[in-house]
Amino acid sequence: MKFRVRVLVRLRPSVYDPQGQAIRKAIAADPRLSAESVRQGKMFDLEVKAGSPSEAKARAEEIASRVLANPVLEDFSVQVLLD
């Protein structure tokens, strides 16, 4: 079976995020908008062959830990999407 899986990769809270800071400043420049903080990240949608949703999640976690996320700087979360 094929499963759709979403992987969200984010910088760890202790890592400085210059892109997030630039976005926050752009938001603050518009008096109609406000945001206390902004952290940027990446989203990946994968299609994974697996026998079950839990197996698909495990495969996606392995992909994320080996390829998609830098374990020194980033954390990730994995979600199996149901149609």
Foldseek 3Di string as FASTA:
>chain_A
DKWKKKKKKWWPPVDDAVVFVVVQVVQVVDVVGHDPTGTDIDMDIDIDDDDDPVRRQVVVVVCCVPPVYDVVTIDMDMDTDDD
